[in-house]
Amino acid sequence: PEHLHISTLLEDEVVCILARENPLAREGALTAERYLEAAHLVPMPYSSGQRGVVEASLNTLRMQRDRRVECPYFSVAPSLLPGTDLIMTTSRHFAQYHAERHAIAIVPSPLPFPAMRFYQLWHESQHRAAPHAWLRGVLTAAARTLVAPPARPD
């Protein structure tokens, strides 16, 4: 909206996550055709008019996937994947975080989705407020650590 300020925090690659034991987790097994035929775990939209990168891209390509399960809590969704044949399409950083905690595999997306962009938004009334500017700076710095290459030891 025009009354809000915006800054991009980071852009992230789109990947798929699925149970490690899922046959589609093997290298090269997840083709575009299999992706579209598979059962998907998808986050519920924040509003009826909201469309994420994945849904908007599929719509542009005139493709549909099997939205088998909707999860109202995005951060809970990866924990639902082990022991199922479900696929979730998400950002690489989110996937890596959850792959360290659950028995899930990260697989490259078989479709050419654009990068996911993450933003911070704030109202004009807070634009010059020192505490708010400080917090925006902290969030920007944290996002940069996610995209910066790791420091090499001397």
Protein backbone atom coordinates (compact mmCIF):
# COMPACT_ATOMS: atom_id res chain seq x y z
CA PRO A 1 0.00 0.00 0.00
CA GLU A 2 1.12 3.54 -0.76
CA HIS A 3 0.93 4.64 2.88
CA LEU A 4 3.59 2.10 3.90
CA HIS A 5 7.35 2.14 3.49
CA ILE A 6 9.02 -1.06 2.30
CA SER A 7 12.47 -2.55 2.13
CA THR A 8 13.55 -5.93 0.85
CA LEU A 9 15.19 -8.10 3.49
CA LEU A 10 16.25 -10.98 1.26
CA GLU A 11 15.48 -13.06 -1.80
CA ASP A 12 15.60 -16.82 -1.56
CA GLU A 13 15.52 -19.77 -3.94
CA VAL A 14 12.38 -21.91 -4.10
CA VAL A 15 12.90 -25.60 -3.24
CA CYS A 16 10.77 -28.59 -2.32
CA ILE A 17 10.86 -30.44 0.98
CA LEU A 18 9.52 -33.94 1.52
CA ALA A 19 10.02 -36.95 3.74
CA ARG A 20 13.51 -38.46 3.37
CA GLU A 21 11.94 -41.86 2.64
CA ASN A 22 9.73 -40.46 -0.13
CA PRO A 23 10.91 -41.99 -3.47
CA LEU A 24 10.75 -38.49 -5.01
CA ALA A 25 13.53 -37.39 -2.64
CA ARG A 26 16.08 -39.31 -4.73
CA GLU A 27 18.24 -37.17 -6.99
CA GLY A 28 16.50 -36.47 -10.28
CA ALA A 29 13.27 -38.26 -9.28
CA LEU A 30 11.16 -35.12 -8.90
CA THR A 31 10.27 -34.10 -12.43
CA ALA A 32 7.80 -31.34 -13.33
CA GLU A 33 5.18 -33.96 -14.20
CA ARG A 34 5.64 -35.83 -10.92
CA TYR A 35 5.61 -32.53 -9.01
CA LEU A 36 2.23 -31.58 -10.47
CA GLU A 37 0.78 -35.07 -9.86
CA ALA A 38 2.05 -35.35 -6.27
CA ALA A 39 0.08 -34.51 -3.13
CA HIS A 40 1.12 -31.12 -1.74
CA LEU A 41 1.10 -29.62 1.72
CA VAL A 42 0.41 -25.89 1.34
CA PRO A 43 0.15 -23.07 3.84
CA MET A 44 -3.22 -21.42 4.12
CA PRO A 45 -3.25 -17.96 2.54
CA TYR A 46 -3.32 -14.96 4.89
CA SER A 47 -6.31 -13.60 2.99
CA SER A 48 -8.59 -14.76 0.20
CA GLY A 49 -6.89 -12.42 -2.29
CA GLN A 50 -3.33 -13.38 -1.33
CA ARG A 51 -1.38 -15.55 -3.73
CA GLY A 52 2.17 -16.64 -3.05
CA VAL A 53 5.03 -17.01 -5.51
CA VAL A 54 4.26 -20.68 -6.16
CA GLU A 55 0.53 -20.30 -6.82
CA ALA A 56 1.01 -17.15 -8.91
CA SER A 57 3.70 -18.87 -11.01
CA LEU A 58 1.63 -22.01 -11.52
CA ASN A 59 -1.32 -19.86 -12.54
CA THR A 60 0.85 -17.99 -15.07
CA LEU A 61 2.05 -21.33 -16.47
CA ARG A 62 -1.58 -22.56 -16.54
CA MET A 63 -0.66 -25.46 -14.28
CA GLN A 64 -2.21 -26.83 -11.11
CA ARG A 65 -0.92 -29.02 -8.34
CA ASP A 66 -2.81 -31.28 -5.97
CA ARG A 67 -3.26 -29.08 -2.90
CA ARG A 68 -4.06 -32.09 -0.73
CA VAL A 69 -3.45 -30.64 2.76
CA GLU A 70 -3.65 -27.02 3.93
CA CYS A 71 -1.85 -26.05 7.11
CA PRO A 72 -2.84 -22.87 8.99
CA TYR A 73 0.57 -22.59 10.67
CA PHE A 74 3.44 -22.24 8.21
CA SER A 75 6.16 -23.10 10.73
CA VAL A 76 4.40 -26.35 11.72
CA ALA A 77 4.04 -27.63 8.14
CA PRO A 78 7.51 -29.26 7.77
CA SER A 79 6.93 -31.40 10.87
CA LEU A 80 3.91 -32.94 9.11
CA LEU A 81 5.97 -34.28 6.17
CA PRO A 82 7.85 -37.30 7.65
CA GLY A 83 5.98 -40.54 7.03
CA THR A 84 3.86 -39.05 4.22
CA ASP A 85 4.06 -38.66 0.46
CA LEU A 86 3.42 -34.90 0.70
CA ILE A 87 5.60 -32.21 -0.88
CA MET A 88 5.94 -28.65 0.38
CA THR A 89 7.35 -25.90 -1.81
CA THR A 90 9.12 -23.18 0.16
CA SER A 91 12.25 -21.04 0.47
CA ARG A 92 15.70 -22.61 0.83
CA HIS A 93 16.52 -20.95 4.19
CA PHE A 94 13.25 -22.14 5.71
CA ALA A 95 13.83 -25.62 4.27
CA GLN A 96 17.38 -25.84 5.63
CA TYR A 97 16.29 -24.80 9.10
CA HIS A 98 13.63 -27.52 9.22
CA ALA A 99 15.76 -30.20 7.54
CA GLU A 100 18.08 -29.97 10.55
CA ARG A 101 15.15 -30.74 12.88
CA HIS A 102 12.98 -33.21 10.96
CA ALA A 103 13.51 -36.25 8.73
CA ILE A 104 12.97 -34.29 5.54
CA ALA A 105 14.96 -33.89 2.34
CA ILE A 106 15.48 -30.74 0.29
CA VAL A 107 15.04 -31.20 -3.46
CA PRO A 108 15.50 -28.58 -6.19
CA SER A 109 12.24 -27.33 -7.64
CA PRO A 110 11.54 -28.98 -11.00
CA LEU A 111 9.72 -25.83 -12.15
CA PRO A 112 11.33 -22.40 -12.70
CA PHE A 113 9.77 -20.44 -9.84
CA PRO A 114 11.03 -16.90 -9.28
CA ALA A 115 12.85 -16.19 -6.03
CA MET A 116 10.79 -15.59 -2.91
CA ARG A 117 11.19 -12.06 -1.58
CA PHE A 118 10.88 -11.18 2.07
CA TYR A 119 10.10 -7.60 3.05
CA GLN A 120 9.64 -5.40 6.03
CA LEU A 121 6.86 -2.83 5.94
CA TRP A 122 6.22 0.11 8.23
CA HIS A 123 3.83 3.00 8.50
CA GLU A 124 4.84 6.59 7.82
CA SER A 125 4.15 7.45 11.48
CA GLN A 126 7.10 5.22 12.46
CA HIS A 127 9.45 6.16 9.65
CA ARG A 128 11.57 8.57 11.71
CA ALA A 129 11.00 6.99 15.13
CA ALA A 130 14.44 6.08 16.51
CA PRO A 131 13.40 2.76 18.14
CA HIS A 132 11.64 1.65 14.97
CA ALA A 133 14.57 2.68 12.76
CA TRP A 134 16.88 0.74 15.10
CA LEU A 135 14.70 -2.39 14.82
CA ARG A 136 14.57 -2.12 11.03
CA GLY A 137 18.36 -1.89 11.03
CA VAL A 138 18.66 -5.00 13.19
CA LEU A 139 16.34 -6.94 10.87
CA THR A 140 18.23 -5.75 7.79
CA ALA A 141 21.57 -6.77 9.32
CA ALA A 142 20.19 -10.18 10.32
CA ALA A 143 18.89 -10.77 6.79
CA ARG A 144 22.29 -9.87 5.35
CA THR A 145 23.94 -12.56 7.46
CA LEU A 146 21.62 -15.10 5.84
CA VAL A 147 22.68 -14.18 2.31
CA ALA A 148 26.32 -13.34 2.93
CA PRO A 149 28.88 -16.08 2.30
CA PRO A 150 30.28 -17.54 5.52
CA ALA A 151 33.45 -15.89 6.78
CA ARG A 152 36.60 -17.88 6.07
CA PRO A 153 38.86 -18.60 9.02
CA ASP A 154 42.21 -16.83 8.92
